[in-house]
């Protein structure tokens, strides 16, 4: 049981837990999750923590097939600039290890922005709080549970 799963259960939202054997040698946790669960990778979302120029940490949730646009997330957060947050700071503020950071049940609730592409699916997958564990839920429930906002976050190709 992880804080992410506990948050979904406590809120009584419809969700499913998916577990798979995580390969420590895997270079991309999200792509590995999509492959091992045999799910469209556009439905599997990664959780990225960025820091704005003021030092605020915010969360961007984007498909594993996409790159997070620093411009888009900065704009969404009302900031001028954003950059990937320090690894230790991410683990300290979320309570999760990298590769297992969930947008749900974080130690310190960070403002969350979810890529608008999530709305194209009935359900999406996000980390359930550890490597090899995913939670499937409706995008609207993800937004409700995180207090998140759906907005375009993908970097243009």
N, C-alpha and C. Protein backbone atom coordinates (compact mmCIF):
# COMPACT_ATOMS: atom_id res chain seq x y z
N UNK A 1 0.85 -1.18 0.00
CA UNK A 1 0.00 0.00 0.00
C UNK A 1 0.90 1.25 0.00
N UNK A 2 0.59 2.18 -0.88
CA UNK A 2 1.37 3.42 -0.96
C UNK A 2 0.46 4.60 -0.63
N UNK A 3 1.03 5.77 -0.33
CA UNK A 3 0.20 6.95 -0.10
C UNK A 3 -0.70 7.28 -1.30
N UNK A 4 -0.23 6.98 -2.52
CA UNK A 4 -1.03 7.26 -3.72
C UNK A 4 -2.29 6.39 -3.73
N UNK A 5 -2.12 5.11 -3.46
CA UNK A 5 -3.26 4.19 -3.43
C UNK A 5 -4.20 4.56 -2.29
N UNK A 6 -3.62 4.88 -1.14
CA UNK A 6 -4.44 5.30 0.00
C UNK A 6 -5.28 6.53 -0.34
N UNK A 7 -4.68 7.49 -1.06
CA UNK A 7 -5.41 8.72 -1.43
C UNK A 7 -6.60 8.39 -2.32
N UNK A 8 -6.41 7.49 -3.28
CA UNK A 8 -7.50 7.10 -4.19
C UNK A 8 -8.60 6.36 -3.42
N UNK A 9 -8.20 5.47 -2.53
CA UNK A 9 -9.19 4.71 -1.75
C UNK A 9 -9.97 5.62 -0.81
N UNK A 10 -9.25 6.50 -0.13
CA UNK A 10 -9.89 7.42 0.82
C UNK A 10 -10.92 8.30 0.12
N UNK A 11 -10.60 8.74 -1.10
CA UNK A 11 -11.50 9.61 -1.86
C UNK A 11 -12.63 8.80 -2.53
N UNK A 12 -12.53 7.47 -2.42
CA UNK A 12 -13.53 6.57 -3.01
C UNK A 12 -13.72 6.78 -4.52
N UNK A 13 -12.60 6.98 -5.19
CA UNK A 13 -12.70 7.12 -6.65
C UNK A 13 -12.43 5.77 -7.29
N UNK A 14 -13.01 5.58 -8.45
CA UNK A 14 -12.86 4.34 -9.19
C UNK A 14 -11.42 4.27 -9.72
N UNK A 15 -10.72 3.20 -9.40
CA UNK A 15 -9.34 3.04 -9.86
C UNK A 15 -8.97 1.56 -9.90
N UNK A 16 -7.91 1.27 -10.64
CA UNK A 16 -7.36 -0.09 -10.70
C UNK A 16 -5.85 -0.01 -10.51
N UNK A 17 -5.32 -0.99 -9.80
CA UNK A 17 -3.88 -1.06 -9.57
C UNK A 17 -3.28 -2.09 -10.52
N UNK A 18 -2.16 -1.74 -11.13
CA UNK A 18 -1.45 -2.63 -12.05
C UNK A 18 -0.01 -2.77 -11.56
N UNK A 19 0.42 -4.01 -11.40
CA UNK A 19 1.79 -4.26 -10.96
C UNK A 19 2.53 -5.03 -12.06
N UNK A 20 3.80 -4.73 -12.24
CA UNK A 20 4.62 -5.44 -13.21
C UNK A 20 6.03 -5.55 -12.64
N UNK A 21 6.81 -6.48 -13.19
CA UNK A 21 8.19 -6.66 -12.74
C UNK A 21 9.05 -5.56 -13.33
N UNK A 22 9.50 -4.65 -12.48
CA UNK A 22 10.36 -3.55 -12.92
C UNK A 22 11.77 -4.05 -13.15
N UNK A 23 12.34 -3.67 -14.28
CA UNK A 23 13.72 -4.00 -14.62
C UNK A 23 14.61 -2.82 -14.20
N UNK A 24 15.47 -3.00 -13.19
CA UNK A 24 16.33 -1.89 -12.73
C UNK A 24 17.22 -1.30 -13.83
N UNK A 25 17.46 -2.06 -14.89
CA UNK A 25 18.30 -1.58 -15.98
C UNK A 25 17.51 -0.74 -16.98
N UNK A 26 16.20 -0.64 -16.80
CA UNK A 26 15.36 0.10 -17.74
C UNK A 26 15.73 1.58 -17.75
N UNK A 27 15.86 2.14 -18.94
CA UNK A 27 16.23 3.55 -19.08
C UNK A 27 15.03 4.48 -18.94
N UNK A 28 13.84 3.98 -19.27
CA UNK A 28 12.64 4.81 -19.21
C UNK A 28 11.55 4.08 -18.46
N UNK A 29 11.27 4.54 -17.24
CA UNK A 29 10.27 3.87 -16.39
C UNK A 29 8.90 3.85 -17.06
N UNK A 30 8.50 4.97 -17.65
CA UNK A 30 7.17 5.07 -18.26
C UNK A 30 7.01 4.18 -19.46
N UNK A 31 8.01 4.16 -20.33
CA UNK A 31 7.96 3.31 -21.51
C UNK A 31 7.94 1.84 -21.09
N UNK A 32 8.74 1.52 -20.09
CA UNK A 32 8.76 0.15 -19.57
C UNK A 32 7.37 -0.23 -19.06
N UNK A 33 6.72 0.68 -18.32
CA UNK A 33 5.39 0.41 -17.78
C UNK A 33 4.40 0.12 -18.91
N UNK A 34 4.42 0.96 -19.95
CA UNK A 34 3.50 0.79 -21.08
C UNK A 34 3.72 -0.57 -21.76
N UNK A 35 4.99 -0.91 -21.97
CA UNK A 35 5.32 -2.18 -22.63
C UNK A 35 4.89 -3.38 -21.79
N UNK A 36 5.24 -3.36 -20.51
CA UNK A 36 4.96 -4.51 -19.66
C UNK A 36 3.47 -4.67 -19.37
N UNK A 37 2.72 -3.58 -19.42
CA UNK A 37 1.27 -3.67 -19.20
C UNK A 37 0.51 -3.81 -20.52
N UNK A 38 1.23 -3.74 -21.65
CA UNK A 38 0.64 -3.82 -22.98
C UNK A 38 -0.46 -2.76 -23.15
N UNK A 39 -0.10 -1.51 -22.84
CA UNK A 39 -1.02 -0.38 -22.89
C UNK A 39 -0.46 0.66 -23.87
N UNK A 40 -1.35 1.37 -24.55
CA UNK A 40 -0.94 2.47 -25.43
C UNK A 40 -0.09 3.45 -24.61
N UNK A 41 1.17 3.70 -25.00
CA UNK A 41 2.03 4.59 -24.21
C UNK A 41 1.49 6.01 -24.06
N UNK A 42 0.58 6.43 -24.93
CA UNK A 42 0.01 7.77 -24.79
C UNK A 42 -0.95 7.85 -23.61
N UNK A 43 -1.36 6.68 -23.06
CA UNK A 43 -2.23 6.64 -21.88
C UNK A 43 -1.43 6.54 -20.58
N UNK A 44 -0.12 6.32 -20.69
CA UNK A 44 0.74 6.21 -19.52
C UNK A 44 1.43 7.55 -19.32
N UNK A 45 1.21 8.15 -18.15
CA UNK A 45 1.72 9.50 -17.88
C UNK A 45 2.82 9.46 -16.84
N UNK A 46 3.86 10.29 -17.09
CA UNK A 46 4.95 10.41 -16.13
C UNK A 46 4.74 11.65 -15.29
N UNK A 47 5.26 11.61 -14.08
CA UNK A 47 5.14 12.71 -13.13
C UNK A 47 6.49 13.39 -13.01
N UNK A 48 6.55 14.65 -13.43
CA UNK A 48 7.81 15.40 -13.39
C UNK A 48 7.66 16.61 -12.47
N UNK A 49 8.66 16.82 -11.64
CA UNK A 49 8.64 17.95 -10.72
C UNK A 49 9.63 18.99 -11.22
N UNK A 50 9.13 20.21 -11.35
CA UNK A 50 9.98 21.31 -11.81
C UNK A 50 9.99 22.42 -10.76
N UNK A 51 11.00 23.26 -10.84
CA UNK A 51 11.11 24.42 -9.96
C UNK A 51 10.97 25.68 -10.81
N UNK A 52 10.17 26.60 -10.34
CA UNK A 52 10.04 27.88 -11.03
C UNK A 52 11.17 28.79 -10.57
N UNK A 53 11.28 29.96 -11.21
CA UNK A 53 12.37 30.88 -10.85
C UNK A 53 12.24 31.39 -9.41
N UNK A 54 11.06 31.25 -8.81
CA UNK A 54 10.87 31.68 -7.41
C UNK A 54 11.20 30.55 -6.44
N UNK A 55 11.51 29.35 -6.98
CA UNK A 55 11.84 28.21 -6.14
C UNK A 55 10.64 27.33 -5.83
N UNK A 56 9.45 27.71 -6.30
CA UNK A 56 8.27 26.87 -6.07
C UNK A 56 8.39 25.58 -6.88
N UNK A 57 8.09 24.47 -6.24
CA UNK A 57 8.05 23.20 -6.94
C UNK A 57 6.63 22.97 -7.44
N UNK A 58 6.49 22.59 -8.71
CA UNK A 58 5.19 22.26 -9.29
C UNK A 58 5.34 20.94 -10.06
N UNK A 59 4.21 20.27 -10.25
CA UNK A 59 4.20 18.97 -10.89
C UNK A 59 3.60 19.08 -12.29
N UNK A 60 4.28 18.45 -13.26
CA UNK A 60 3.76 18.32 -14.61
C UNK A 60 3.53 16.84 -14.89
N UNK A 61 2.33 16.50 -15.36
CA UNK A 61 1.99 15.11 -15.66
C UNK A 61 1.75 15.02 -17.17
N UNK A 62 2.66 14.35 -17.86
CA UNK A 62 2.62 14.28 -19.33
C UNK A 62 2.76 12.83 -19.79
N UNK A 63 2.29 12.53 -21.02
CA UNK A 63 2.46 11.17 -21.53
C UNK A 63 3.94 10.80 -21.60
N UNK A 64 4.23 9.51 -21.40
CA UNK A 64 5.62 9.06 -21.46
C UNK A 64 6.20 9.24 -22.85
N UNK A 65 5.34 9.41 -23.86
CA UNK A 65 5.78 9.60 -25.24
C UNK A 65 6.14 11.05 -25.54
N UNK A 66 5.91 11.94 -24.58
CA UNK A 66 6.10 13.38 -24.82
C UNK A 66 7.18 13.97 -23.93
N UNK A 67 7.62 15.16 -24.34
CA UNK A 67 8.56 15.94 -23.53
C UNK A 67 7.77 17.06 -22.86
N UNK A 68 8.07 17.33 -21.61
CA UNK A 68 7.44 18.43 -20.90
C UNK A 68 8.04 19.74 -21.40
N UNK A 69 7.19 20.68 -21.80
CA UNK A 69 7.66 22.00 -22.22
C UNK A 69 7.82 22.88 -20.98
N UNK A 70 9.05 23.34 -20.77
CA UNK A 70 9.31 24.21 -19.61
C UNK A 70 8.55 25.53 -19.77
N UNK A 71 8.42 25.99 -21.01
CA UNK A 71 7.66 27.22 -21.26
C UNK A 71 6.19 27.05 -20.88
N UNK A 72 5.62 25.92 -21.31
CA UNK A 72 4.20 25.67 -21.05
C UNK A 72 3.92 25.52 -19.55
N UNK A 73 4.76 24.78 -18.84
CA UNK A 73 4.49 24.59 -17.41
C UNK A 73 4.74 25.87 -16.63
N UNK A 74 5.75 26.64 -17.05
CA UNK A 74 5.99 27.94 -16.39
C UNK A 74 4.77 28.83 -16.58
N UNK A 75 4.26 28.89 -17.81
CA UNK A 75 3.07 29.69 -18.10
C UNK A 75 1.88 29.23 -17.26
N UNK A 76 1.68 27.92 -17.20
CA UNK A 76 0.56 27.36 -16.43
C UNK A 76 0.67 27.73 -14.95
N UNK A 77 1.91 27.77 -14.44
CA UNK A 77 2.15 28.08 -13.03
C UNK A 77 2.22 29.58 -12.76
N UNK A 78 2.09 30.39 -13.82
CA UNK A 78 2.17 31.83 -13.65
C UNK A 78 3.58 32.31 -13.37
N UNK A 79 4.55 31.57 -13.89
CA UNK A 79 5.96 31.90 -13.67
C UNK A 79 6.60 32.30 -15.00
N UNK A 80 7.81 32.85 -14.92
CA UNK A 80 8.55 33.23 -16.12
C UNK A 80 9.37 32.05 -16.65
N UNK A 81 9.95 31.29 -15.72
CA UNK A 81 10.84 30.19 -16.10
C UNK A 81 10.60 28.97 -15.21
N UNK A 82 10.96 27.81 -15.75
CA UNK A 82 10.91 26.57 -14.99
C UNK A 82 12.06 25.68 -15.45
N UNK A 83 12.54 24.85 -14.54
CA UNK A 83 13.60 23.89 -14.85
C UNK A 83 13.36 22.66 -13.99
N UNK A 84 13.89 21.54 -14.42
CA UNK A 84 13.72 20.32 -13.64
C UNK A 84 14.25 20.56 -12.22
N UNK A 85 13.51 20.06 -11.25
CA UNK A 85 13.88 20.25 -9.84
C UNK A 85 15.01 19.30 -9.45
N UNK A 86 15.73 19.66 -8.42
CA UNK A 86 16.81 18.86 -7.86
C UNK A 86 16.25 17.52 -7.37
N UNK A 87 16.95 16.44 -7.66
CA UNK A 87 16.49 15.08 -7.31
C UNK A 87 16.17 14.94 -5.82
N UNK A 88 17.09 15.41 -4.96
CA UNK A 88 16.87 15.28 -3.52
C UNK A 88 15.65 16.08 -3.07
N UNK A 89 15.49 17.26 -3.66
CA UNK A 89 14.34 18.10 -3.33
C UNK A 89 13.03 17.42 -3.73
N UNK A 90 13.05 16.75 -4.89
CA UNK A 90 11.86 16.03 -5.36
C UNK A 90 11.51 14.94 -4.37
N UNK A 91 12.49 14.13 -3.99
CA UNK A 91 12.23 13.03 -3.07
C UNK A 91 11.80 13.54 -1.70
N UNK A 92 12.41 14.62 -1.23
CA UNK A 92 12.06 15.19 0.07
C UNK A 92 10.63 15.72 0.09
N UNK A 93 10.24 16.44 -0.96
CA UNK A 93 8.92 17.07 -0.97
C UNK A 93 7.79 16.11 -1.33
N UNK A 94 8.07 15.10 -2.17
CA UNK A 94 7.00 14.17 -2.56
C UNK A 94 6.93 12.93 -1.68
N UNK A 95 8.07 12.54 -1.12
CA UNK A 95 8.12 11.31 -0.34
C UNK A 95 8.33 10.08 -1.21
N UNK A 96 8.55 10.28 -2.50
CA UNK A 96 8.72 9.17 -3.44
C UNK A 96 10.12 9.19 -4.05
N UNK A 97 10.60 8.00 -4.48
CA UNK A 97 11.88 7.92 -5.18
C UNK A 97 11.66 8.20 -6.66
N UNK A 98 12.67 8.72 -7.33
CA UNK A 98 12.57 9.00 -8.76
C UNK A 98 12.25 7.70 -9.49
N UNK A 99 11.39 7.81 -10.48
CA UNK A 99 10.92 6.64 -11.20
C UNK A 99 9.67 6.06 -10.57
N UNK A 100 9.36 6.54 -9.37
CA UNK A 100 8.15 6.09 -8.67
C UNK A 100 7.37 7.26 -8.11
N UNK A 101 7.67 8.47 -8.59
CA UNK A 101 6.97 9.66 -8.10
C UNK A 101 5.54 9.65 -8.64
N UNK A 102 4.60 9.71 -7.73
CA UNK A 102 3.19 9.74 -8.10
C UNK A 102 2.66 11.15 -7.91
N UNK A 103 1.70 11.55 -8.75
CA UNK A 103 1.07 12.85 -8.52
C UNK A 103 0.10 12.79 -7.32
N UNK A 104 -0.20 11.57 -6.86
CA UNK A 104 -1.14 11.36 -5.76
C UNK A 104 -0.41 11.08 -4.45
N UNK A 105 -0.97 11.55 -3.35
CA UNK A 105 -0.46 11.20 -2.03
C UNK A 105 0.93 11.70 -1.72
N UNK A 106 1.30 12.84 -2.30
CA UNK A 106 2.63 13.38 -2.02
C UNK A 106 2.70 13.92 -0.60
N UNK A 107 3.90 13.84 -0.01
CA UNK A 107 4.11 14.31 1.36
C UNK A 107 3.70 15.77 1.48
N UNK A 108 4.17 16.59 0.54
CA UNK A 108 3.79 18.01 0.49
C UNK A 108 3.01 18.19 -0.81
N UNK A 109 1.76 18.60 -0.72
CA UNK A 109 0.94 18.72 -1.94
C UNK A 109 1.43 19.88 -2.79
N UNK A 110 1.89 19.54 -3.98
CA UNK A 110 2.42 20.54 -4.91
C UNK A 110 1.36 20.88 -5.95
N UNK A 111 1.39 22.11 -6.43
CA UNK A 111 0.45 22.46 -7.52
C UNK A 111 0.74 21.55 -8.69
N UNK A 112 -0.34 21.05 -9.30
CA UNK A 112 -0.21 20.03 -10.34
C UNK A 112 -0.90 20.46 -11.61
N UNK A 113 -0.22 20.19 -12.73
CA UNK A 113 -0.76 20.49 -14.06
C UNK A 113 -0.68 19.21 -14.88
N UNK A 114 -1.79 18.84 -15.50
CA UNK A 114 -1.90 17.59 -16.25
C UNK A 114 -2.07 17.93 -17.72
N UNK A 115 -1.29 17.29 -18.57
CA UNK A 115 -1.39 17.58 -20.00
C UNK A 115 -2.81 17.30 -20.49
N UNK A 116 -3.33 18.24 -21.26
CA UNK A 116 -4.70 18.18 -21.77
C UNK A 116 -4.97 16.94 -22.61
N UNK A 117 -3.94 16.29 -23.14
CA UNK A 117 -4.15 15.08 -23.94
C UNK A 117 -4.82 13.97 -23.13
N UNK A 118 -4.73 14.04 -21.81
CA UNK A 118 -5.35 13.02 -20.94
C UNK A 118 -6.86 12.95 -21.17
N UNK A 119 -7.45 14.09 -21.55
CA UNK A 119 -8.90 14.14 -21.74
C UNK A 119 -9.40 13.26 -22.89
N UNK A 120 -8.49 12.82 -23.75
CA UNK A 120 -8.87 11.98 -24.89
C UNK A 120 -9.14 10.53 -24.47
N UNK A 121 -8.81 10.18 -23.23
CA UNK A 121 -8.94 8.80 -22.78
C UNK A 121 -9.92 8.67 -21.62
N UNK A 122 -10.61 7.52 -21.56
CA UNK A 122 -11.52 7.25 -20.44
C UNK A 122 -10.73 7.10 -19.15
N UNK A 123 -9.55 6.44 -19.26
CA UNK A 123 -8.66 6.29 -18.11
C UNK A 123 -7.22 6.49 -18.55
N UNK A 124 -6.39 6.89 -17.60
CA UNK A 124 -4.95 7.03 -17.82
C UNK A 124 -4.23 6.31 -16.69
N UNK A 125 -2.94 6.10 -16.88
CA UNK A 125 -2.12 5.42 -15.89
C UNK A 125 -1.06 6.39 -15.36
N UNK A 126 -0.89 6.44 -14.05
CA UNK A 126 0.20 7.22 -13.44
C UNK A 126 0.86 6.32 -12.39
N UNK A 127 2.04 6.69 -11.97
CA UNK A 127 2.73 5.91 -10.94
C UNK A 127 1.87 5.85 -9.69
N UNK A 128 1.86 4.66 -9.08
CA UNK A 128 1.12 4.48 -7.83
C UNK A 128 2.05 4.63 -6.62
N UNK A 129 3.27 5.12 -6.86
CA UNK A 129 4.15 5.43 -5.74
C UNK A 129 5.40 4.60 -5.62
N UNK A 130 5.58 3.66 -6.53
CA UNK A 130 6.87 2.95 -6.58
C UNK A 130 7.05 2.36 -7.96
N UNK A 131 8.30 2.09 -8.29
CA UNK A 131 8.61 1.51 -9.59
C UNK A 131 7.92 0.16 -9.72
N UNK A 132 7.28 -0.07 -10.87
CA UNK A 132 6.59 -1.34 -11.09
C UNK A 132 5.15 -1.35 -10.61
N UNK A 133 4.63 -0.18 -10.22
CA UNK A 133 3.26 -0.10 -9.72
C UNK A 133 2.58 1.12 -10.33
N UNK A 134 1.46 0.89 -11.03
CA UNK A 134 0.72 1.97 -11.69
C UNK A 134 -0.72 1.97 -11.19
N UNK A 135 -1.32 3.14 -11.20
CA UNK A 135 -2.74 3.27 -10.86
C UNK A 135 -3.46 3.82 -12.09
N UNK A 136 -4.57 3.19 -12.43
CA UNK A 136 -5.38 3.59 -13.58
C UNK A 136 -6.62 4.30 -13.05
N UNK A 137 -6.88 5.49 -13.58
CA UNK A 137 -8.05 6.25 -13.15
C UNK A 137 -8.48 7.23 -14.24
N UNK A 138 -9.66 7.77 -14.08
CA UNK A 138 -10.16 8.75 -15.05
C UNK A 138 -9.39 10.05 -14.92
N UNK A 139 -9.12 10.73 -16.04
CA UNK A 139 -8.39 12.01 -15.97
C UNK A 139 -9.07 13.03 -15.04
N UNK A 140 -10.41 13.07 -15.05
CA UNK A 140 -11.12 14.01 -14.17
C UNK A 140 -10.88 13.68 -12.70
N UNK A 141 -10.80 12.38 -12.38
CA UNK A 141 -10.52 11.98 -10.99
C UNK A 141 -9.07 12.32 -10.61
N UNK A 142 -8.16 12.17 -11.57
CA UNK A 142 -6.76 12.55 -11.32
C UNK A 142 -6.69 14.04 -11.01
N UNK A 143 -7.39 14.84 -11.79
CA UNK A 143 -7.41 16.30 -11.56
C UNK A 143 -8.03 16.62 -10.21
N UNK A 144 -9.12 15.95 -9.87
CA UNK A 144 -9.78 16.19 -8.58
C UNK A 144 -8.86 15.83 -7.42
N UNK A 145 -8.26 14.65 -7.47
CA UNK A 145 -7.42 14.17 -6.37
C UNK A 145 -6.17 15.03 -6.17
N UNK A 146 -5.64 15.57 -7.24
CA UNK A 146 -4.40 16.36 -7.14
C UNK A 146 -4.68 17.85 -7.00
N UNK A 147 -5.95 18.24 -7.22
CA UNK A 147 -6.25 19.67 -7.29
C UNK A 147 -5.64 20.23 -8.56
N UNK A 148 -5.41 19.35 -9.54
CA UNK A 148 -4.70 19.72 -10.76
C UNK A 148 -5.58 20.35 -11.81
N UNK A 149 -4.90 20.95 -12.77
CA UNK A 149 -5.58 21.59 -13.89
C UNK A 149 -5.09 20.98 -15.19
N UNK A 150 -6.05 20.66 -16.08
CA UNK A 150 -5.70 20.14 -17.41
C UNK A 150 -5.34 21.31 -18.31
N UNK A 151 -4.16 21.23 -18.92
CA UNK A 151 -3.65 22.31 -19.76
C UNK A 151 -2.58 21.73 -20.70
N UNK A 152 -2.36 22.33 -21.87
CA UNK A 152 -1.30 21.81 -22.75
C UNK A 152 0.10 21.96 -22.11
N UNK A 153 0.83 20.86 -22.07
CA UNK A 153 2.16 20.88 -21.45
C UNK A 153 3.25 20.30 -22.34
N UNK A 154 2.88 19.75 -23.49
CA UNK A 154 3.87 19.05 -24.31
C UNK A 154 4.71 20.03 -25.13
N UNK A 155 5.99 19.68 -25.22
CA UNK A 155 6.92 20.45 -26.05
C UNK A 155 6.61 20.16 -27.51
N UNK A 156 6.59 21.19 -28.31
CA UNK A 156 6.33 21.00 -29.75
C UNK A 156 7.53 20.31 -30.37
N UNK A 157 7.25 19.40 -31.29
CA UNK A 157 8.31 18.62 -31.94
C UNK A 157 9.11 19.48 -32.91
